[in-house]
């Protein structure tokens, strides 16, 4: 099993504490700018010893996902935690190395995306309604609060329930989910409202009208 992370939540530290005791073959690849930025580094080093590999880009040791994944034997399970851009790179490298995508598990940063998080606007198809989505709220929250109900579950961009149709974009969509393929994101016909955002104005169709109750 391999952990590939750029950030370590405390919950995973406790998980890591159990695995060696159960005889699991665990290696942690920890990607940071510098060792001073690495949370829990001393604790994890004491726990894993030489099974901890620190990739500090500021020291010229940037994590090479292509090389790392190509070196792993078939059947390896990788648990990845990091920003969306790095997750996209990890998925490409993992598939390119011939590993099944089901063996790559991941935890993402909910606020990460390809565009800065900023206020944008949402128009509702066949209505005069235009909603503002502030930086601190999701499209899903604002749509539901305005009576345009969208089904959801995890609200982390991982289940896919909250997808709605994209009719037009005056600006740019920022797909932050981990469900859509690259092709689906590029085609931009649907958007996951719990985490994805936009720059400018996006016209959508939720199918459920606020006045159709």
C-alpha atoms as a PDB file:
ATOM      1  CA  UNK A   1       0.000   0.000   0.000  1.00  0.00           C
ATOM      2  CA  UNK A   2       1.247   3.485  -0.797  1.00  0.00           C
ATOM      3  CA  UNK A   3       0.136   6.830   0.637  1.00  0.00           C
ATOM      4  CA  UNK A   4       0.780   9.815  -1.641  1.00  0.00           C
ATOM      5  CA  UNK A   5      -0.034  13.083   0.086  1.00  0.00           C
ATOM      6  CA  UNK A   6       0.546  16.803   0.003  1.00  0.00           C
ATOM      7  CA  UNK A   7      -1.385  17.361   3.226  1.00  0.00           C
ATOM      8  CA  UNK A   8      -2.034  15.106   6.177  1.00  0.00           C
ATOM      9  CA  UNK A   9      -5.265  15.320   8.173  1.00  0.00           C
ATOM     10  CA  UNK A  10      -5.044  14.085  11.750  1.00  0.00           C
ATOM     11  CA  UNK A  11      -7.501  11.281  11.012  1.00  0.00           C
ATOM     12  CA  UNK A  12      -5.031   9.678   8.609  1.00  0.00           C
ATOM     13  CA  UNK A  13      -2.243   9.851  11.152  1.00  0.00           C
ATOM     14  CA  UNK A  14      -4.244   7.511  13.384  1.00  0.00           C
ATOM     15  CA  UNK A  15      -4.889   5.230  10.393  1.00  0.00           C
ATOM     16  CA  UNK A  16      -1.180   5.112   9.682  1.00  0.00           C
ATOM     17  CA  UNK A  17      -0.547   4.216  13.304  1.00  0.00           C
ATOM     18  CA  UNK A  18      -2.551   0.999  12.911  1.00  0.00           C
ATOM     19  CA  UNK A  19      -1.290  -0.288   9.580  1.00  0.00           C
ATOM     20  CA  UNK A  20       2.295  -1.166  10.566  1.00  0.00           C
ATOM     21  CA  UNK A  21       0.998  -3.048  13.598  1.00  0.00           C
ATOM     22  CA  UNK A  22      -1.093  -5.211  11.308  1.00  0.00           C
ATOM     23  CA  UNK A  23       1.867  -6.114   9.125  1.00  0.00           C
ATOM     24  CA  UNK A  24       0.813  -3.993   6.146  1.00  0.00           C
ATOM     25  CA  UNK A  25       3.456  -2.961   3.619  1.00  0.00           C
ATOM     26  CA  UNK A  26       3.018   0.807   3.800  1.00  0.00           C
ATOM     27  CA  UNK A  27       5.123   3.561   2.258  1.00  0.00           C
ATOM     28  CA  UNK A  28       4.241   7.239   2.584  1.00  0.00           C
ATOM     29  CA  UNK A  29       5.321   9.640  -0.165  1.00  0.00           C
ATOM     30  CA  UNK A  30       4.946  13.109   1.326  1.00  0.00           C
ATOM     31  CA  UNK A  31       5.121  16.021  -1.161  1.00  0.00           C
ATOM     32  CA  UNK A  32       5.816  19.471   0.288  1.00  0.00           C
ATOM     33  CA  UNK A  33       7.638  22.653  -0.652  1.00  0.00           C
ATOM     34  CA  UNK A  34      10.031  22.272   2.251  1.00  0.00           C
ATOM     35  CA  UNK A  35      10.442  20.070   5.290  1.00  0.00           C
ATOM     36  CA  UNK A  36       9.427  22.973   7.530  1.00  0.00           C
ATOM     37  CA  UNK A  37       5.993  22.852   5.867  1.00  0.00           C
ATOM     38  CA  UNK A  38       5.488  19.152   6.595  1.00  0.00           C
ATOM     39  CA  UNK A  39       2.953  18.633   9.373  1.00  0.00           C
ATOM     40  CA  UNK A  40       3.568  15.704  11.752  1.00  0.00           C
ATOM     41  CA  UNK A  41       6.839  14.936   9.975  1.00  0.00           C
ATOM     42  CA  UNK A  42       8.771  13.905  13.093  1.00  0.00           C
ATOM     43  CA  UNK A  43       5.923  11.745  14.371  1.00  0.00           C
ATOM     44  CA  UNK A  44       5.489   9.979  11.038  1.00  0.00           C
ATOM     45  CA  UNK A  45       9.235   9.528  10.576  1.00  0.00           C
ATOM     46  CA  UNK A  46       9.376   7.856  13.979  1.00  0.00           C
ATOM     47  CA  UNK A  47       6.489   5.613  13.015  1.00  0.00           C
ATOM     48  CA  UNK A  48       7.488   4.627   9.484  1.00  0.00           C
ATOM     49  CA  UNK A  49      11.252   5.076   9.409  1.00  0.00           C
ATOM     50  CA  UNK A  50      12.634   4.450   5.925  1.00  0.00           C
ATOM     51  CA  UNK A  51       9.113   3.839   4.649  1.00  0.00           C
ATOM     52  CA  UNK A  52       8.624   7.614   4.683  1.00  0.00           C
ATOM     53  CA  UNK A  53       9.821   9.356   1.509  1.00  0.00           C
ATOM     54  CA  UNK A  54       9.747  13.162   1.605  1.00  0.00           C
ATOM     55  CA  UNK A  55       9.575  14.955  -1.747  1.00  0.00           C
ATOM     56  CA  UNK A  56      10.543  18.563  -0.991  1.00  0.00           C
ATOM     57  CA  UNK A  57      10.335  20.617  -4.178  1.00  0.00           C
ATOM     58  CA  UNK A  58      12.324  23.440  -2.582  1.00  0.00           C
ATOM     59  CA  UNK A  59      15.217  21.013  -2.194  1.00  0.00           C
ATOM     60  CA  UNK A  60      15.052  19.843  -5.804  1.00  0.00           C
ATOM     61  CA  UNK A  61      13.185  16.648  -4.907  1.00  0.00           C
ATOM     62  CA  UNK A  62       9.821  17.186  -6.571  1.00  0.00           C
ATOM     63  CA  UNK A  63       7.428  14.221  -6.590  1.00  0.00           C
ATOM     64  CA  UNK A  64       7.479  12.491  -9.997  1.00  0.00           C
ATOM     65  CA  UNK A  65       4.138  10.694 -10.162  1.00  0.00           C
ATOM     66  CA  UNK A  66       4.870   9.045 -13.516  1.00  0.00           C
ATOM     67  CA  UNK A  67       8.095   7.491 -12.262  1.00  0.00           C
ATOM     68  CA  UNK A  68       6.628   6.538  -8.892  1.00  0.00           C
ATOM     69  CA  UNK A  69       3.552   4.808 -10.271  1.00  0.00           C
ATOM     70  CA  UNK A  70       5.537   3.052 -13.001  1.00  0.00           C
ATOM     71  CA  UNK A  71       7.766   1.550 -10.293  1.00  0.00           C
ATOM     72  CA  UNK A  72       4.895   0.066  -8.286  1.00  0.00           C
ATOM     73  CA  UNK A  73       3.969  -3.611  -8.696  1.00  0.00           C
ATOM     74  CA  UNK A  74       0.536  -4.556  -9.963  1.00  0.00           C
ATOM     75  CA  UNK A  75      -1.996  -4.865  -7.194  1.00  0.00           C
ATOM     76  CA  UNK A  76      -0.625  -1.904  -5.246  1.00  0.00           C
ATOM     77  CA  UNK A  77      -3.263   0.217  -3.533  1.00  0.00           C
ATOM     78  CA  UNK A  78      -2.506   3.950  -3.451  1.00  0.00           C
ATOM     79  CA  UNK A  79      -4.263   6.433  -1.182  1.00  0.00           C
ATOM     80  CA  UNK A  80      -3.866   9.994  -2.418  1.00  0.00           C
ATOM     81  CA  UNK A  81      -4.639  13.293  -0.721  1.00  0.00           C
ATOM     82  CA  UNK A  82      -4.011  16.639  -2.373  1.00  0.00           C
ATOM     83  CA  UNK A  83      -5.390  19.500  -4.459  1.00  0.00           C
ATOM     84  CA  UNK A  84      -7.478  18.901  -7.564  1.00  0.00           C
ATOM     85  CA  UNK A  85      -4.711  19.671 -10.063  1.00  0.00           C
ATOM     86  CA  UNK A  86      -2.443  17.136  -8.433  1.00  0.00           C
ATOM     87  CA  UNK A  87      -5.247  14.587  -8.323  1.00  0.00           C
ATOM     88  CA  UNK A  88      -5.801  14.994 -12.063  1.00  0.00           C
ATOM     89  CA  UNK A  89      -2.078  14.439 -12.627  1.00  0.00           C
ATOM     90  CA  UNK A  90      -2.156  11.400 -10.353  1.00  0.00           C
ATOM     91  CA  UNK A  91      -5.057   9.842 -12.227  1.00  0.00           C
ATOM     92  CA  UNK A  92      -3.280  10.302 -15.573  1.00  0.00           C
ATOM     93  CA  UNK A  93      -0.039   8.855 -14.209  1.00  0.00           C
ATOM     94  CA  UNK A  94      -1.807   5.946 -12.501  1.00  0.00           C
ATOM     95  CA  UNK A  95      -3.695   4.912 -15.637  1.00  0.00           C
ATOM     96  CA  UNK A  96      -0.592   5.489 -17.761  1.00  0.00           C
ATOM     97  CA  UNK A  97       1.324   3.055 -15.560  1.00  0.00           C
ATOM     98  CA  UNK A  98      -1.283   0.389 -16.266  1.00  0.00           C
ATOM     99  CA  UNK A  99      -2.904   0.312 -12.831  1.00  0.00           C
ATOM    100  CA  UNK A 100      -6.699  -0.002 -12.483  1.00  0.00           C
ATOM    101  CA  UNK A 101      -8.311   3.254 -11.390  1.00  0.00           C
ATOM    102  CA  UNK A 102     -10.175   1.357  -8.664  1.00  0.00           C
ATOM    103  CA  UNK A 103      -6.824   0.882  -6.882  1.00  0.00           C
ATOM    104  CA  UNK A 104      -6.307   4.647  -6.578  1.00  0.00           C
ATOM    105  CA  UNK A 105      -8.258   6.052  -3.632  1.00  0.00           C
ATOM    106  CA  UNK A 106      -8.275   9.749  -2.928  1.00  0.00           C
ATOM    107  CA  UNK A 107      -9.189  12.586  -0.624  1.00  0.00           C
ATOM    108  CA  UNK A 108      -9.359  16.053  -2.173  1.00  0.00           C
ATOM    109  CA  UNK A 109      -9.181  19.605  -0.909  1.00  0.00           C
ATOM    110  CA  UNK A 110     -12.785  20.764  -1.165  1.00  0.00           C
ATOM    111  CA  UNK A 111     -11.823  24.334  -2.075  1.00  0.00           C
ATOM    112  CA  UNK A 112      -9.328  23.443  -4.761  1.00  0.00           C
ATOM    113  CA  UNK A 113      -9.889  24.079  -8.444  1.00  0.00           C
ATOM    114  CA  UNK A 114      -8.256  25.339 -11.598  1.00  0.00           C
ATOM    115  CA  UNK A 115      -9.639  28.857 -11.087  1.00  0.00           C
ATOM    116  CA  UNK A 116      -9.534  31.119  -8.017  1.00  0.00           C
ATOM    117  CA  UNK A 117     -12.604  30.893  -5.794  1.00  0.00           C
ATOM    118  CA  UNK A 118     -14.612  34.003  -6.585  1.00  0.00           C
ATOM    119  CA  UNK A 119     -18.197  35.205  -6.822  1.00  0.00           C
ATOM    120  CA  UNK A 120     -20.046  34.183  -9.987  1.00  0.00           C
ATOM    121  CA  UNK A 121     -23.607  34.215 -11.285  1.00  0.00           C
ATOM    122  CA  UNK A 122     -26.053  31.462 -12.225  1.00  0.00           C
ATOM    123  CA  UNK A 123     -28.977  31.952 -14.599  1.00  0.00           C
ATOM    124  CA  UNK A 124     -31.866  29.484 -14.574  1.00  0.00           C
ATOM    125  CA  UNK A 125     -33.040  28.321 -17.984  1.00  0.00           C
ATOM    126  CA  UNK A 126     -36.485  29.544 -19.090  1.00  0.00           C
ATOM    127  CA  UNK A 127     -36.794  31.875 -16.104  1.00  0.00           C
ATOM    128  CA  UNK A 128     -35.876  35.449 -15.282  1.00  0.00           C
ATOM    129  CA  UNK A 129     -33.925  34.267 -12.256  1.00  0.00           C
ATOM    130  CA  UNK A 130     -30.242  35.064 -11.895  1.00  0.00           C
ATOM    131  CA  UNK A 131     -28.503  34.137  -8.655  1.00  0.00           C
ATOM    132  CA  UNK A 132     -25.223  35.323  -7.202  1.00  0.00           C
ATOM    133  CA  UNK A 133     -22.958  32.627  -5.769  1.00  0.00           C
ATOM    134  CA  UNK A 134     -20.609  34.252  -3.235  1.00  0.00           C
ATOM    135  CA  UNK A 135     -17.129  32.926  -2.529  1.00  0.00           C
ATOM    136  CA  UNK A 136     -18.146  31.303   0.750  1.00  0.00           C
ATOM    137  CA  UNK A 137     -21.220  29.442  -0.558  1.00  0.00           C
ATOM    138  CA  UNK A 138     -21.702  26.638  -3.068  1.00  0.00           C
ATOM    139  CA  UNK A 139     -23.941  26.658  -6.111  1.00  0.00           C
ATOM    140  CA  UNK A 140     -25.849  23.786  -4.512  1.00  0.00           C
ATOM    141  CA  UNK A 141     -26.599  25.754  -1.341  1.00  0.00           C
ATOM    142  CA  UNK A 142     -27.786  28.855  -3.176  1.00  0.00           C
ATOM    143  CA  UNK A 143     -29.949  26.911  -5.644  1.00  0.00           C
ATOM    144  CA  UNK A 144     -31.665  24.964  -2.863  1.00  0.00           C
ATOM    145  CA  UNK A 145     -32.158  28.070  -0.726  1.00  0.00           C
ATOM    146  CA  UNK A 146     -33.807  29.761  -3.724  1.00  0.00           C
ATOM    147  CA  UNK A 147     -36.278  26.911  -4.289  1.00  0.00           C
ATOM    148  CA  UNK A 148     -34.492  25.186  -7.170  1.00  0.00           C
ATOM    149  CA  UNK A 149     -33.983  21.869  -5.414  1.00  0.00           C
ATOM    150  CA  UNK A 150     -30.988  19.766  -6.378  1.00  0.00           C
ATOM    151  CA  UNK A 151     -30.496  16.267  -4.958  1.00  0.00           C
ATOM    152  CA  UNK A 152     -27.206  15.748  -3.133  1.00  0.00           C
ATOM    153  CA  UNK A 153     -25.472  13.464  -0.679  1.00  0.00           C
ATOM    154  CA  UNK A 154     -21.827  13.796   0.306  1.00  0.00           C
ATOM    155  CA  UNK A 155     -21.296  17.388  -0.893  1.00  0.00           C
ATOM    156  CA  UNK A 156     -17.623  16.633  -1.580  1.00  0.00           C
ATOM    157  CA  UNK A 157     -17.652  16.159  -5.344  1.00  0.00           C
ATOM    158  CA  UNK A 158     -17.374  12.393  -5.004  1.00  0.00           C
ATOM    159  CA  UNK A 159     -20.868  10.905  -5.423  1.00  0.00           C
ATOM    160  CA  UNK A 160     -22.202  12.677  -8.521  1.00  0.00           C
ATOM    161  CA  UNK A 161     -25.821  13.088  -7.371  1.00  0.00           C
ATOM    162  CA  UNK A 162     -25.953  16.872  -7.636  1.00  0.00           C
ATOM    163  CA  UNK A 163     -25.134  17.158 -11.357  1.00  0.00           C
ATOM    164  CA  UNK A 164     -27.312  19.534 -13.385  1.00  0.00           C
ATOM    165  CA  UNK A 165     -27.342  20.506 -17.052  1.00  0.00           C
ATOM    166  CA  UNK A 166     -25.166  23.347 -18.316  1.00  0.00           C
ATOM    167  CA  UNK A 167     -26.953  25.352 -21.008  1.00  0.00           C
ATOM    168  CA  UNK A 168     -24.400  28.100 -21.635  1.00  0.00           C
ATOM    169  CA  UNK A 169     -21.322  29.667 -20.073  1.00  0.00           C
ATOM    170  CA  UNK A 170     -20.357  33.317 -20.366  1.00  0.00           C
ATOM    171  CA  UNK A 171     -16.919  32.884 -18.874  1.00  0.00           C
ATOM    172  CA  UNK A 172     -15.395  29.587 -17.758  1.00  0.00           C
ATOM    173  CA  UNK A 173     -16.514  26.547 -15.760  1.00  0.00           C
ATOM    174  CA  UNK A 174     -14.330  25.169 -12.981  1.00  0.00           C
ATOM    175  CA  UNK A 175     -15.113  21.476 -12.497  1.00  0.00           C
ATOM    176  CA  UNK A 176     -13.827  20.519  -9.042  1.00  0.00           C
ATOM    177  CA  UNK A 177     -15.395  17.077  -8.674  1.00  0.00           C
ATOM    178  CA  UNK A 178     -13.614  13.742  -8.903  1.00  0.00           C
ATOM    179  CA  UNK A 179     -16.447  11.981 -10.751  1.00  0.00           C
ATOM    180  CA  UNK A 180     -16.266  13.412 -14.270  1.00  0.00           C
ATOM    181  CA  UNK A 181     -13.679  12.199 -16.753  1.00  0.00           C
ATOM    182  CA  UNK A 182     -11.493  14.715 -18.569  1.00  0.00           C
ATOM    183  CA  UNK A 183     -13.762  14.347 -21.603  1.00  0.00           C
ATOM    184  CA  UNK A 184     -16.879  15.097 -19.565  1.00  0.00           C
ATOM    185  CA  UNK A 185     -15.281  18.164 -18.030  1.00  0.00           C
ATOM    186  CA  UNK A 186     -14.198  19.451 -21.424  1.00  0.00           C
ATOM    187  CA  UNK A 187     -17.616  18.828 -22.975  1.00  0.00           C
ATOM    188  CA  UNK A 188     -19.089  20.935 -20.152  1.00  0.00           C
ATOM    189  CA  UNK A 189     -22.667  19.697 -20.537  1.00  0.00           C
ATOM    190  CA  UNK A 190     -23.169  19.051 -16.811  1.00  0.00           C
ATOM    191  CA  UNK A 191     -21.744  20.435 -13.584  1.00  0.00           C
ATOM    192  CA  UNK A 192     -21.553  19.097 -10.021  1.00  0.00           C
ATOM    193  CA  UNK A 193     -23.081  21.866  -7.961  1.00  0.00           C
ATOM    194  CA  UNK A 194     -21.682  20.914  -4.553  1.00  0.00           C
ATOM    195  CA  UNK A 195     -18.069  21.856  -5.307  1.00  0.00           C
ATOM    196  CA  UNK A 196     -17.753  23.137  -8.878  1.00  0.00           C
ATOM    197  CA  UNK A 197     -17.810  26.834  -9.663  1.00  0.00           C
ATOM    198  CA  UNK A 198     -17.386  29.229 -12.563  1.00  0.00           C
ATOM    199  CA  UNK A 199     -15.941  32.528 -13.652  1.00  0.00           C
ATOM    200  CA  UNK A 200     -18.531  34.914 -15.061  1.00  0.00           C
ATOM    201  CA  UNK A 201     -22.081  33.652 -15.595  1.00  0.00           C
ATOM    202  CA  UNK A 202     -23.301  30.098 -16.148  1.00  0.00           C
ATOM    203  CA  UNK A 203     -26.796  29.195 -17.369  1.00  0.00           C
ATOM    204  CA  UNK A 204     -28.117  25.914 -15.974  1.00  0.00           C
ATOM    205  CA  UNK A 205     -31.242  23.773 -15.987  1.00  0.00           C
ATOM    206  CA  UNK A 206     -32.174  22.096 -12.696  1.00  0.00           C
ATOM    207  CA  UNK A 207     -35.397  20.682 -14.241  1.00  0.00           C
ATOM    208  CA  UNK A 208     -37.251  21.569 -11.015  1.00  0.00           C
ATOM    209  CA  UNK A 209     -38.718  25.076 -11.013  1.00  0.00           C
ATOM    210  CA  UNK A 210     -39.128  27.027  -7.792  1.00  0.00           C
ATOM    211  CA  UNK A 211     -42.746  27.881  -8.728  1.00  0.00           C
ATOM    212  CA  UNK A 212     -43.720  24.337  -9.775  1.00  0.00           C
ATOM    213  CA  UNK A 213     -44.744  23.055  -6.360  1.00  0.00           C
END
